[in-house]
N, C-alpha and C. Protein backbone atom coordinates (compact mmCIF):
# COMPACT_ATOMS: atom_id res chain seq x y z
N MET A 1 9.93 46.03 -51.44
CA MET A 1 10.42 45.34 -50.83
C MET A 1 10.00 44.31 -49.55
N ALA A 2 8.85 45.11 -48.55
CA ALA A 2 8.50 43.89 -47.30
C ALA A 2 7.74 43.02 -48.13
N ASN A 3 6.80 42.71 -48.81
CA ASN A 3 6.54 41.58 -49.31
C ASN A 3 6.96 40.65 -49.56
N MET A 4 8.54 40.26 -49.27
CA MET A 4 9.80 39.49 -50.11
C MET A 4 9.17 38.89 -48.51
N ALA A 5 8.85 39.18 -47.42
CA ALA A 5 9.03 38.49 -46.29
C ALA A 5 7.99 37.25 -46.68
N ASN A 6 6.73 37.57 -47.35
CA ASN A 6 5.64 36.35 -47.41
C ASN A 6 6.80 35.36 -48.42
N GLU A 7 7.69 35.77 -49.46
CA GLU A 7 7.95 34.03 -49.94
C GLU A 7 8.76 32.99 -49.02
N GLU A 8 8.94 32.52 -50.17
CA GLU A 8 9.26 30.79 -49.62
C GLU A 8 10.78 31.01 -49.19
N HIS A 9 11.59 31.77 -48.05
CA HIS A 9 12.81 31.95 -48.13
C HIS A 9 12.54 32.34 -46.36
N SER A 10 13.72 31.60 -45.52
CA SER A 10 14.08 31.81 -44.47
C SER A 10 14.57 33.03 -44.19
N LYS A 11 13.91 33.53 -42.88
CA LYS A 11 14.09 34.71 -42.25
C LYS A 11 15.32 35.14 -40.98
N VAL A 12 15.48 35.95 -41.28
CA VAL A 12 16.24 36.52 -40.25
C VAL A 12 15.87 37.91 -39.97
N THR A 13 15.91 38.31 -38.63
CA THR A 13 15.45 39.99 -38.46
C THR A 13 16.28 40.70 -37.65
N ALA A 14 16.32 41.80 -37.91
CA ALA A 14 17.51 42.64 -37.77
C ALA A 14 16.76 43.55 -36.52
N GLN A 15 16.92 43.96 -35.47
CA GLN A 15 16.15 44.76 -34.25
C GLN A 15 16.97 45.91 -34.22
N TYR A 16 16.00 47.27 -34.40
CA TYR A 16 16.42 48.52 -33.84
C TYR A 16 16.85 48.41 -32.56
N THR A 17 17.95 49.61 -32.75
CA THR A 17 18.65 49.64 -31.50
C THR A 17 18.97 51.01 -31.37
N THR A 18 18.88 52.09 -30.20
CA THR A 18 20.29 53.12 -29.67
C THR A 18 20.69 52.95 -28.26
N SER A 19 20.74 51.71 -28.55
CA SER A 19 21.80 51.33 -27.27
C SER A 19 23.05 51.73 -28.36
N LYS A 20 24.13 52.07 -26.73
CA LYS A 20 25.37 51.55 -27.23
C LYS A 20 26.08 50.59 -27.34
N ILE A 21 26.69 50.13 -28.61
CA ILE A 21 27.70 48.71 -28.52
C ILE A 21 28.65 48.98 -29.01
N VAL A 22 29.74 48.45 -27.89
CA VAL A 22 31.37 48.65 -27.94
C VAL A 22 31.71 47.36 -28.76
N LEU A 23 32.38 47.98 -29.38
CA LEU A 23 32.69 46.80 -30.54
C LEU A 23 34.14 45.81 -29.91
N ASP A 24 33.65 44.98 -29.33
CA ASP A 24 35.09 44.36 -28.32
C ASP A 24 35.16 42.50 -28.84
N GLY A 25 33.63 42.49 -29.09
CA GLY A 25 33.27 41.34 -30.00
C GLY A 25 33.26 39.96 -28.42
N ARG A 26 33.06 41.20 -27.45
CA ARG A 26 32.09 40.27 -26.33
C ARG A 26 30.67 40.11 -25.86
N LEU A 27 30.39 40.77 -26.95
CA LEU A 27 28.53 41.14 -26.83
C LEU A 27 28.23 40.98 -25.62
N ASP A 28 28.67 41.70 -24.95
CA ASP A 28 28.38 42.00 -23.17
C ASP A 28 26.88 42.79 -23.01
N GLU A 29 26.33 43.63 -24.28
CA GLU A 29 25.44 44.37 -24.49
C GLU A 29 24.24 43.39 -23.92
N GLU A 30 22.85 43.68 -23.14
CA GLU A 30 21.79 43.37 -22.81
C GLU A 30 21.02 43.19 -24.40
N ILE A 31 21.06 43.89 -25.18
CA ILE A 31 20.39 43.97 -26.52
C ILE A 31 20.98 42.72 -27.20
N TRP A 32 22.29 42.42 -27.24
CA TRP A 32 22.40 41.23 -27.78
C TRP A 32 21.77 39.94 -27.50
N LYS A 33 21.63 40.10 -26.12
CA LYS A 33 20.73 38.68 -24.83
C LYS A 33 19.76 38.74 -25.71
N GLN A 34 19.19 39.39 -26.16
CA GLN A 34 17.79 40.16 -26.39
C GLN A 34 17.44 39.44 -27.51
N THR A 35 18.42 39.61 -28.57
CA THR A 35 17.92 39.30 -30.02
C THR A 35 18.11 38.02 -30.39
N LYS A 36 16.68 37.82 -31.56
CA LYS A 36 16.77 36.37 -31.55
C LYS A 36 17.93 35.97 -32.95
N THR A 37 18.04 34.58 -32.58
CA THR A 37 19.05 33.57 -33.19
C THR A 37 18.96 33.02 -34.32
N VAL A 38 19.51 33.19 -35.13
CA VAL A 38 19.70 31.92 -36.58
C VAL A 38 20.74 31.13 -36.36
N ARG A 39 21.31 29.98 -36.82
CA ARG A 39 22.21 29.39 -36.87
C ARG A 39 23.08 28.61 -37.78
N ILE A 40 24.36 28.96 -38.18
CA ILE A 40 24.81 28.43 -39.43
C ILE A 40 25.65 26.85 -38.68
N GLU A 41 24.81 25.99 -39.54
CA GLU A 41 25.32 25.19 -39.02
C GLU A 41 24.84 23.57 -39.83
N LYS A 42 24.88 23.80 -41.24
CA LYS A 42 24.46 23.47 -42.39
C LYS A 42 25.74 23.20 -43.36
N VAL A 43 26.13 22.02 -43.96
CA VAL A 43 27.32 21.79 -45.02
C VAL A 43 26.52 22.50 -46.20
N ILE A 44 26.91 23.54 -46.65
CA ILE A 44 26.71 24.25 -47.50
C ILE A 44 26.15 23.50 -49.20
N LYS A 45 27.06 22.30 -49.29
CA LYS A 45 26.76 21.98 -50.47
C LYS A 45 25.50 20.76 -50.55
N ASN A 46 25.52 20.31 -49.20
CA ASN A 46 24.49 19.07 -49.15
C ASN A 46 23.32 19.28 -48.17
N GLY A 47 23.46 20.41 -46.88
CA GLY A 47 22.89 21.00 -46.00
C GLY A 47 22.45 19.65 -44.80
N GLU A 48 23.76 18.79 -44.79
CA GLU A 48 23.81 17.81 -43.82
C GLU A 48 23.95 19.08 -42.38
N THR A 49 23.85 18.65 -41.21
CA THR A 49 24.40 19.22 -39.93
C THR A 49 24.89 19.11 -39.02
N VAL A 50 25.93 20.23 -38.54
CA VAL A 50 27.13 19.56 -37.63
C VAL A 50 26.96 20.46 -36.69
N PRO A 51 26.11 19.69 -35.96
CA PRO A 51 25.98 20.47 -34.48
C PRO A 51 27.05 20.86 -33.84
N ALA A 52 28.21 20.32 -33.72
CA ALA A 52 29.36 20.57 -33.27
C ALA A 52 29.77 22.14 -33.24
N LEU A 53 29.68 22.50 -34.50
CA LEU A 53 29.63 23.90 -34.78
C LEU A 53 28.94 24.64 -34.85
N SER A 54 27.77 24.30 -34.65
CA SER A 54 26.42 25.07 -35.12
C SER A 54 26.80 26.33 -34.39
N THR A 55 26.63 27.67 -34.97
CA THR A 55 27.17 28.61 -35.00
C THR A 55 25.65 29.98 -34.31
N GLU A 56 25.91 30.44 -33.89
CA GLU A 56 24.53 31.63 -33.31
C GLU A 56 25.18 32.87 -33.87
N VAL A 57 24.29 33.75 -34.94
CA VAL A 57 24.31 34.65 -35.55
C VAL A 57 22.80 35.77 -34.94
N ARG A 58 23.70 37.01 -34.70
CA ARG A 58 22.37 37.76 -34.47
C ARG A 58 22.31 38.83 -35.24
N VAL A 59 21.54 40.07 -35.48
CA VAL A 59 21.54 41.17 -36.57
C VAL A 59 20.53 42.43 -35.34
N LEU A 60 21.19 43.25 -35.68
CA LEU A 60 20.91 44.29 -34.92
C LEU A 60 20.59 46.08 -36.04
N TRP A 61 20.40 47.17 -35.99
CA TRP A 61 20.66 48.11 -36.72
C TRP A 61 20.41 49.35 -35.89
N THR A 62 21.27 50.33 -36.60
CA THR A 62 20.74 51.24 -35.59
C THR A 62 20.88 52.65 -36.85
N GLU A 63 20.61 54.03 -36.54
CA GLU A 63 20.76 54.61 -37.49
C GLU A 63 21.46 55.03 -38.60
N GLU A 64 22.77 54.18 -38.32
CA GLU A 64 24.01 54.62 -39.15
C GLU A 64 24.79 53.28 -39.84
N SER A 65 24.22 52.13 -38.85
CA SER A 65 24.94 50.57 -38.91
C SER A 65 23.92 49.52 -38.93
N LEU A 66 25.07 48.32 -39.97
CA LEU A 66 24.17 47.48 -39.61
C LEU A 66 25.42 46.26 -38.37
N TYR A 67 24.68 45.70 -37.60
CA TYR A 67 25.87 44.71 -36.72
C TYR A 67 25.34 43.37 -36.84
N ILE A 68 26.51 43.09 -36.85
CA ILE A 68 25.80 41.24 -36.26
C ILE A 68 26.67 40.66 -36.17
N SER A 69 26.90 39.94 -35.34
CA SER A 69 27.32 38.78 -34.15
C SER A 69 27.45 37.37 -34.70
N TYR A 70 28.48 36.65 -34.04
CA TYR A 70 28.52 35.56 -34.18
C TYR A 70 29.23 34.84 -32.76
N VAL A 71 28.64 33.86 -32.71
CA VAL A 71 29.09 32.58 -31.42
C VAL A 71 29.27 31.63 -31.43
N ALA A 72 30.83 31.02 -32.26
CA ALA A 72 31.22 29.97 -33.12
C ALA A 72 32.03 29.28 -31.88
N PRO A 73 31.36 27.84 -31.43
CA PRO A 73 32.44 27.06 -31.03
C PRO A 73 33.51 26.34 -32.35
N TYR A 74 34.81 25.85 -31.39
CA TYR A 74 35.71 25.46 -32.18
C TYR A 74 36.40 24.77 -31.30
N ARG A 75 37.14 23.51 -31.94
CA ARG A 75 37.87 22.28 -31.41
C ARG A 75 39.66 22.99 -31.53
N LYS A 76 39.67 23.34 -32.99
CA LYS A 76 41.39 23.78 -33.82
C LYS A 76 40.44 25.04 -34.37
N LEU A 77 41.72 25.93 -34.25
CA LEU A 77 41.73 27.08 -35.75
C LEU A 77 42.74 27.21 -36.31
N MET A 78 42.44 27.40 -37.81
CA MET A 78 43.53 27.40 -38.74
C MET A 78 43.43 29.18 -39.08
N THR A 79 44.69 29.92 -38.99
CA THR A 79 44.81 31.45 -39.41
C THR A 79 45.91 31.18 -40.25
N PHE A 80 45.60 32.76 -40.83
CA PHE A 80 47.15 33.28 -40.88
C PHE A 80 47.77 33.51 -40.20
N GLU A 81 48.95 33.66 -40.27
CA GLU A 81 49.75 34.06 -39.46
C GLU A 81 51.37 34.42 -39.63
N PRO A 82 51.99 35.91 -39.75
CA PRO A 82 50.91 36.86 -38.79
C PRO A 82 49.75 37.67 -39.50
N ALA A 83 48.89 38.04 -38.56
CA ALA A 83 47.63 38.89 -39.14
C ALA A 83 48.36 40.30 -40.07
N ILE A 84 47.49 40.29 -41.20
CA ILE A 84 47.54 42.00 -41.93
C ILE A 84 46.40 42.39 -40.77
N ARG A 85 47.02 44.03 -40.72
CA ARG A 85 46.14 44.59 -39.52
C ARG A 85 45.87 45.77 -40.97
N GLU A 86 46.57 46.07 -41.74
CA GLU A 86 46.34 47.32 -42.71
C GLU A 86 45.57 46.66 -43.79
N GLY A 87 44.84 47.08 -44.43
CA GLY A 87 44.85 46.28 -46.44
C GLY A 87 43.32 45.00 -45.57
N LYS A 88 43.49 44.55 -46.83
CA LYS A 88 43.13 42.92 -46.61
C LYS A 88 43.90 41.81 -47.57
N ARG A 89 43.00 40.43 -46.97
CA ARG A 89 44.55 39.71 -47.35
C ARG A 89 43.13 38.80 -48.17
N ILE A 90 43.63 38.86 -49.59
CA ILE A 90 42.29 38.25 -50.62
C ILE A 90 42.90 36.73 -50.60
N GLY A 91 42.06 35.94 -50.12
CA GLY A 91 42.03 34.47 -49.70
C GLY A 91 42.09 34.26 -48.34
N LEU A 92 41.44 35.03 -47.73
CA LEU A 92 41.20 35.04 -45.93
C LEU A 92 40.29 34.02 -45.94
N TRP A 93 39.28 33.81 -46.86
CA TRP A 93 38.44 32.52 -46.71
C TRP A 93 39.10 31.15 -46.93
N LYS A 94 40.45 30.98 -47.21
CA LYS A 94 41.13 29.47 -46.86
C LYS A 94 41.48 29.25 -45.58
N ARG A 95 40.85 29.93 -44.38
CA ARG A 95 41.28 29.98 -43.48
C ARG A 95 40.15 29.95 -42.90
N ASP A 96 40.05 29.66 -41.28
CA ASP A 96 38.87 30.16 -40.13
C ASP A 96 38.18 31.52 -40.68
N VAL A 97 37.51 31.89 -41.05
CA VAL A 97 36.04 32.74 -41.03
C VAL A 97 34.59 32.70 -40.82
N VAL A 98 34.18 34.44 -40.38
CA VAL A 98 32.81 33.90 -40.60
C VAL A 98 32.26 35.32 -41.11
N GLU A 99 31.27 35.13 -42.47
CA GLU A 99 30.93 35.91 -43.61
C GLU A 99 29.77 36.07 -43.71
N ALA A 100 29.51 37.32 -43.79
CA ALA A 100 27.83 37.79 -44.62
C ALA A 100 28.44 38.12 -46.21
N PHE A 101 27.20 37.66 -46.69
CA PHE A 101 26.84 38.34 -48.10
C PHE A 101 25.62 38.88 -48.22
N ILE A 102 25.45 40.26 -48.23
CA ILE A 102 24.49 41.11 -47.77
C ILE A 102 23.78 41.78 -49.50
N ASN A 103 22.44 41.50 -49.59
CA ASN A 103 22.02 42.41 -51.21
C ASN A 103 21.29 43.02 -50.57
N PRO A 104 21.10 44.89 -50.40
CA PRO A 104 20.23 45.71 -50.42
C PRO A 104 19.32 46.14 -51.07
N ASN A 105 19.39 45.17 -52.51
CA ASN A 105 18.03 45.72 -53.73
C ASN A 105 17.82 44.23 -54.29
N PRO A 106 17.24 43.51 -53.54
CA PRO A 106 16.44 41.86 -53.78
C PRO A 106 16.46 42.07 -55.53
N ASN A 107 15.86 43.50 -55.74
CA ASN A 107 15.32 42.91 -57.46
C ASN A 107 17.00 43.49 -58.18
N GLU A 108 17.87 42.76 -57.96
CA GLU A 108 18.93 42.89 -58.48
C GLU A 108 20.10 41.96 -58.02
N ILE A 109 19.58 40.77 -58.11
CA ILE A 109 19.74 40.05 -57.47
C ILE A 109 21.40 39.41 -57.41
N ASN A 110 22.68 39.50 -58.04
CA ASN A 110 23.85 39.11 -58.71
C ASN A 110 24.42 40.57 -58.06
N ARG A 111 23.57 41.65 -57.87
CA ARG A 111 24.84 42.67 -56.79
C ARG A 111 24.60 42.55 -55.18
N TYR A 112 25.70 42.23 -54.86
CA TYR A 112 25.53 42.06 -52.91
C TYR A 112 26.97 42.25 -53.00
N SER A 113 27.33 42.38 -51.03
CA SER A 113 28.44 42.41 -50.85
C SER A 113 29.08 41.30 -49.62
N GLU A 114 30.33 41.41 -49.40
CA GLU A 114 30.63 40.04 -48.75
C GLU A 114 31.57 41.02 -48.03
N TYR A 115 31.38 40.00 -46.45
CA TYR A 115 32.02 40.57 -45.63
C TYR A 115 32.74 39.29 -44.42
N GLU A 116 34.25 39.53 -44.30
CA GLU A 116 35.34 38.04 -43.94
C GLU A 116 35.61 38.67 -42.43
N VAL A 117 35.41 37.74 -41.59
CA VAL A 117 36.62 37.99 -40.29
C VAL A 117 36.67 36.99 -39.95
N ALA A 118 38.43 37.22 -39.42
CA ALA A 118 38.91 35.93 -39.13
C ALA A 118 38.92 36.09 -37.60
N PRO A 119 39.36 34.52 -37.05
CA PRO A 119 39.70 34.59 -35.41
C PRO A 119 40.52 35.76 -35.17
N THR A 120 41.68 35.98 -36.19
CA THR A 120 43.03 37.20 -35.60
C THR A 120 42.22 38.28 -35.45
N GLY A 121 41.24 38.29 -36.21
CA GLY A 121 40.31 39.84 -36.51
C GLY A 121 40.65 40.53 -37.73
N GLU A 122 41.44 39.51 -38.72
CA GLU A 122 41.87 39.79 -40.19
C GLU A 122 40.25 40.21 -40.84
N LYS A 123 40.37 40.98 -41.52
CA LYS A 123 39.18 41.42 -42.70
C LYS A 123 39.17 41.51 -43.71
N PHE A 124 38.05 41.08 -44.89
CA PHE A 124 38.10 40.92 -46.01
C PHE A 124 36.21 41.50 -46.50
N ASP A 125 36.63 42.71 -47.33
CA ASP A 125 35.30 43.10 -48.04
C ASP A 125 35.50 42.49 -49.41
N LEU A 126 33.76 42.58 -50.43
CA LEU A 126 34.19 42.18 -51.46
C LEU A 126 33.26 43.27 -52.14
N LEU A 127 32.77 43.50 -53.17
CA LEU A 127 31.77 43.91 -53.71
C LEU A 127 31.85 43.45 -55.35
N LEU A 128 30.08 43.01 -55.40
CA LEU A 128 30.36 41.99 -56.41
C LEU A 128 29.19 42.38 -57.24
N ASP A 129 29.11 42.13 -58.78
CA ASP A 129 27.76 42.08 -59.51
C ASP A 129 28.34 40.51 -60.40
N TRP A 130 27.97 39.56 -59.57
CA TRP A 130 28.36 38.20 -59.73
C TRP A 130 28.11 37.56 -61.67
N PRO A 131 29.18 37.11 -61.99
CA PRO A 131 30.50 36.99 -61.52
C PRO A 131 31.56 37.66 -61.55
N ASN A 132 31.80 39.46 -61.39
CA ASN A 132 32.23 40.23 -61.44
C ASN A 132 32.66 40.46 -59.71
N LYS A 133 34.14 40.38 -59.26
CA LYS A 133 34.31 41.35 -58.24
C LYS A 133 35.31 42.25 -58.17
N ASP A 134 34.88 42.78 -57.55
CA ASP A 134 36.01 44.14 -56.87
C ASP A 134 36.64 44.14 -55.41
N PHE A 135 37.80 43.66 -55.89
CA PHE A 135 38.48 43.74 -54.79
C PHE A 135 38.83 44.80 -54.26
N LEU A 136 39.03 45.96 -54.94
CA LEU A 136 39.31 46.88 -54.59
C LEU A 136 38.33 47.79 -53.84
N TRP A 137 37.29 47.52 -53.40
CA TRP A 137 36.20 48.27 -52.87
C TRP A 137 36.57 47.91 -51.35
N ASN A 138 36.38 49.65 -50.64
CA ASN A 138 36.32 49.48 -49.35
C ASN A 138 34.82 49.60 -48.71
N SER A 139 34.79 48.99 -48.01
CA SER A 139 33.19 49.16 -47.64
C SER A 139 33.44 50.14 -45.82
N ARG A 140 34.52 49.93 -45.32
CA ARG A 140 34.97 50.90 -44.30
C ARG A 140 34.25 50.23 -43.16
N PHE A 141 34.01 48.79 -43.22
CA PHE A 141 33.50 47.93 -42.32
C PHE A 141 34.38 47.63 -41.47
N GLU A 142 33.78 47.45 -39.74
CA GLU A 142 34.73 47.08 -38.36
C GLU A 142 34.35 45.83 -37.85
N ALA A 143 34.98 45.83 -37.16
CA ALA A 143 35.30 44.56 -36.73
C ALA A 143 35.98 43.92 -35.24
N ALA A 144 35.67 43.60 -34.21
CA ALA A 144 36.34 42.82 -33.27
C ALA A 144 35.87 41.31 -33.23
N VAL A 145 37.16 40.98 -32.22
CA VAL A 145 37.02 39.20 -32.12
C VAL A 145 37.06 38.71 -30.56
N HIS A 146 36.62 37.92 -29.98
CA HIS A 146 37.14 37.65 -28.80
C HIS A 146 37.33 35.91 -28.32
N LEU A 147 38.38 35.28 -28.48
CA LEU A 147 38.68 34.01 -28.12
C LEU A 147 38.14 33.42 -26.44
N ASP A 148 37.48 32.36 -26.48
CA ASP A 148 37.58 31.94 -25.18
C ASP A 148 38.29 30.71 -25.64
N SER A 149 39.21 30.31 -24.98
CA SER A 149 39.77 29.08 -25.40
C SER A 149 39.24 27.84 -24.12
N GLU A 150 39.18 28.35 -23.08
CA GLU A 150 38.18 27.20 -22.22
C GLU A 150 37.48 26.71 -22.34
N LEU A 151 35.90 27.49 -22.84
CA LEU A 151 34.83 27.21 -23.41
C LEU A 151 35.06 27.06 -24.89
N GLY A 152 35.83 27.25 -25.77
CA GLY A 152 36.32 26.84 -27.18
C GLY A 152 35.14 27.27 -27.85
N LEU A 153 35.32 28.95 -27.67
CA LEU A 153 34.62 29.82 -28.46
C LEU A 153 34.90 31.07 -28.81
N TRP A 154 34.96 31.44 -30.40
CA TRP A 154 35.18 32.64 -30.61
C TRP A 154 34.53 33.73 -30.98
N THR A 155 33.87 34.59 -30.67
CA THR A 155 32.72 35.42 -30.67
C THR A 155 32.74 37.02 -32.07
N THR A 156 32.50 37.20 -32.68
CA THR A 156 32.62 38.34 -33.91
C THR A 156 31.92 39.47 -33.23
N GLU A 157 32.28 40.45 -34.14
CA GLU A 157 30.92 41.55 -34.00
C GLU A 157 31.72 42.21 -34.97
N MET A 158 30.59 42.38 -36.41
CA MET A 158 30.95 43.01 -37.37
C MET A 158 29.41 44.40 -37.22
N ARG A 159 30.53 46.25 -37.63
CA ARG A 159 29.86 46.84 -37.76
C ARG A 159 29.90 47.48 -39.31
N ILE A 160 28.97 47.43 -40.28
CA ILE A 160 29.23 47.80 -41.47
C ILE A 160 28.25 49.06 -41.38
N PRO A 161 29.01 50.07 -41.84
CA PRO A 161 28.17 51.73 -42.00
C PRO A 161 27.27 51.44 -43.20
N PHE A 162 25.89 52.09 -43.32
CA PHE A 162 24.75 52.02 -44.20
C PHE A 162 25.65 52.34 -45.69
N SER A 163 26.55 53.45 -45.17
CA SER A 163 27.08 53.77 -46.53
C SER A 163 27.54 52.60 -47.33
N ALA A 164 28.24 51.48 -47.20
CA ALA A 164 28.81 50.48 -47.89
C ALA A 164 27.70 49.77 -48.90
N PHE A 165 26.35 50.18 -48.75
CA PHE A 165 25.13 49.93 -49.56
C PHE A 165 24.64 51.36 -50.07
N GLY A 166 25.76 52.13 -50.59
CA GLY A 166 25.17 53.08 -51.17
C GLY A 166 24.09 53.80 -50.74
N ASN A 167 24.15 54.31 -48.95
CA ASN A 167 23.43 54.91 -48.46
C ASN A 167 22.53 54.69 -48.12
N THR A 168 21.51 53.11 -48.64
CA THR A 168 20.45 52.68 -48.60
C THR A 168 20.16 52.41 -47.21
N ILE A 169 19.44 53.12 -46.31
CA ILE A 169 18.60 53.35 -45.19
C ILE A 169 17.36 52.62 -44.98
N PRO A 170 17.54 51.67 -44.31
CA PRO A 170 16.20 50.67 -44.24
C PRO A 170 15.15 51.64 -43.57
N ILE A 171 13.75 50.79 -43.54
CA ILE A 171 12.78 51.47 -42.32
C ILE A 171 12.79 50.74 -42.48
N SER A 172 11.41 50.33 -40.46
CA SER A 172 10.86 49.13 -40.21
C SER A 172 10.14 48.44 -41.53
N GLY A 173 10.38 47.06 -41.86
CA GLY A 173 9.57 46.33 -42.60
C GLY A 173 10.24 46.08 -43.97
N THR A 174 11.41 46.86 -44.42
CA THR A 174 12.31 46.52 -45.46
C THR A 174 13.12 45.48 -45.28
N CYS A 175 13.12 44.49 -46.70
CA CYS A 175 13.58 43.26 -46.48
C CYS A 175 14.87 43.15 -47.59
N TRP A 176 16.48 42.78 -47.15
CA TRP A 176 17.19 43.00 -47.89
C TRP A 176 17.20 40.85 -48.18
N ARG A 177 18.47 40.64 -48.85
CA ARG A 177 18.71 39.26 -48.95
C ARG A 177 19.81 39.29 -48.07
N ILE A 178 20.15 37.93 -47.41
CA ILE A 178 21.53 37.37 -46.76
C ILE A 178 21.73 36.25 -46.48
N ASN A 179 23.24 35.80 -46.99
CA ASN A 179 23.36 34.62 -46.09
C ASN A 179 24.44 34.89 -45.41
N PHE A 180 24.50 33.95 -44.39
CA PHE A 180 25.69 34.03 -43.55
C PHE A 180 26.67 32.35 -43.68
N TYR A 181 27.83 32.20 -43.61
CA TYR A 181 29.12 31.43 -43.77
C TYR A 181 29.77 30.75 -42.50
N ARG A 182 30.00 29.77 -41.90
CA ARG A 182 31.54 29.91 -41.75
C ARG A 182 32.37 28.86 -42.41
N HIS A 183 33.46 29.36 -42.71
CA HIS A 183 34.59 28.14 -42.87
C HIS A 183 35.45 27.93 -41.68
N ALA A 184 35.16 26.55 -41.38
CA ALA A 184 35.53 25.91 -40.46
C ALA A 184 37.12 24.98 -40.68
N SER A 185 37.93 25.67 -41.10
CA SER A 185 39.21 25.06 -42.48
C SER A 185 39.58 23.42 -41.90
N LYS A 186 40.08 23.54 -40.37
CA LYS A 186 40.57 22.56 -39.40
C LYS A 186 39.27 21.19 -39.85
N GLU A 187 38.58 22.08 -39.71
CA GLU A 187 37.81 20.58 -39.71
C GLU A 187 37.04 20.34 -40.94
N LYS A 188 37.41 21.25 -42.36
CA LYS A 188 37.33 20.90 -43.32
C LYS A 188 35.71 21.08 -43.53
N VAL A 189 35.12 21.90 -43.50
CA VAL A 189 33.61 21.83 -43.23
C VAL A 189 33.17 23.29 -43.93
N PHE A 190 32.94 23.70 -44.98
CA PHE A 190 32.26 24.88 -45.11
C PHE A 190 30.63 24.77 -44.90
N LEU A 191 30.19 25.94 -44.00
CA LEU A 191 28.85 26.15 -43.47
C LEU A 191 28.20 27.10 -44.09
N GLY A 192 26.98 27.16 -43.90
CA GLY A 192 25.99 28.16 -43.98
C GLY A 192 24.78 28.03 -43.13
N TRP A 193 24.16 29.50 -43.26
CA TRP A 193 22.55 29.83 -42.58
C TRP A 193 21.97 28.78 -43.57
N GLN A 194 21.72 29.46 -45.09
CA GLN A 194 21.10 28.95 -46.11
C GLN A 194 21.70 28.04 -47.09
N PRO A 195 21.83 26.53 -47.00
CA PRO A 195 22.75 25.79 -47.97
C PRO A 195 22.91 25.81 -49.35
N THR A 196 23.34 26.32 -50.00
CA THR A 196 23.39 27.15 -51.42
C THR A 196 23.50 25.62 -52.05
N MET A 197 23.65 24.55 -51.44
CA MET A 197 23.80 22.95 -52.27
C MET A 197 24.33 23.03 -53.56
N ASN A 198 25.54 23.56 -53.45
CA ASN A 198 26.39 23.49 -54.26
C ASN A 198 27.63 24.02 -53.49
N ASP A 199 28.83 23.70 -54.16
CA ASP A 199 30.06 24.08 -53.60
C ASP A 199 30.86 25.37 -53.29
N SER A 200 29.58 26.23 -53.89
CA SER A 200 29.64 27.35 -53.75
C SER A 200 29.11 28.23 -52.77
N ALA A 201 29.46 29.40 -52.30
CA ALA A 201 28.66 30.10 -51.36
C ALA A 201 27.72 30.98 -52.62
N HIS A 202 28.54 31.56 -53.61
CA HIS A 202 27.45 32.27 -54.36
C HIS A 202 26.68 32.38 -54.92
N ILE A 203 25.34 31.43 -54.68
CA ILE A 203 24.52 31.46 -54.88
C ILE A 203 23.29 32.22 -54.79
N PRO A 204 23.05 33.31 -55.49
CA PRO A 204 22.32 34.58 -54.83
C PRO A 204 20.36 34.02 -54.39
N LYS A 205 20.31 33.58 -55.44
CA LYS A 205 18.67 33.00 -55.41
C LYS A 205 18.89 31.67 -54.13
N ARG A 206 19.69 31.48 -53.35
CA ARG A 206 19.14 30.54 -52.40
C ARG A 206 19.84 31.52 -50.62
N PHE A 207 19.65 32.47 -50.93
CA PHE A 207 19.90 33.64 -49.75
C PHE A 207 18.72 33.91 -49.23
N GLY A 208 18.99 33.78 -48.02
CA GLY A 208 17.74 34.45 -46.92
C GLY A 208 17.26 35.74 -46.95
N ILE A 209 16.27 36.11 -46.24
CA ILE A 209 15.61 36.95 -45.85
C ILE A 209 16.27 38.03 -44.73
N LEU A 210 16.26 38.92 -45.10
CA LEU A 210 16.78 39.94 -43.74
C LEU A 210 15.39 40.89 -44.09
N GLU A 211 14.67 41.17 -42.76
CA GLU A 211 13.98 42.04 -42.65
C GLU A 211 14.15 43.16 -41.11
N PHE A 212 13.94 43.99 -41.17
CA PHE A 212 14.00 45.38 -40.45
C PHE A 212 13.43 45.37 -39.34
N ILE A 213 13.36 45.80 -38.42
CA ILE A 213 11.70 45.84 -37.77
C ILE A 213 12.71 46.94 -36.24
N LYS A 214 11.49 47.86 -35.95
CA LYS A 214 11.55 48.16 -34.59
C LYS A 214 10.72 48.06 -33.78
């Protein structure tokens, strides 16, 4: 799988850390500031860049979990009210969310999982063997959100246990497939890190590369 890093796909690196990460959505830890950034800023359908909504994404990993952070500028947010705190809302993507689609086995391109978090902290996860979807699946991922209305930023942290990937534990140099998305519903824009050149985010051959490094 490590040879995938040489394929013609954009790459994001997951930096290994032993630092304690407090899941509060604030991204205060120094390790987040030291981690390389990619951006969700292109309309998935046509690749047009929307600079005003350019969303920073960073990825870390520990022995137990994958961490993903998002820093998303906003003017107005659209969310479901009241938020669901237990269980998950199918259709959460119809309002503002940030998302990650992750495939730990690139040899099975249509098998991947999906993780969504809304500005309210609502979560949604899904296991796919495209086009089949398992809505009852539970990854046991955690998330936290912080809203800064003065700066017009909402920041998100996801913690996804490696058990969500069938206990597939990466080593330095391991490569998975991944894509990041953002629904900006009030703006009527659906953005991706790697645009799928389609109305749908579910075009796994368009996903980028996630490389784990130590």
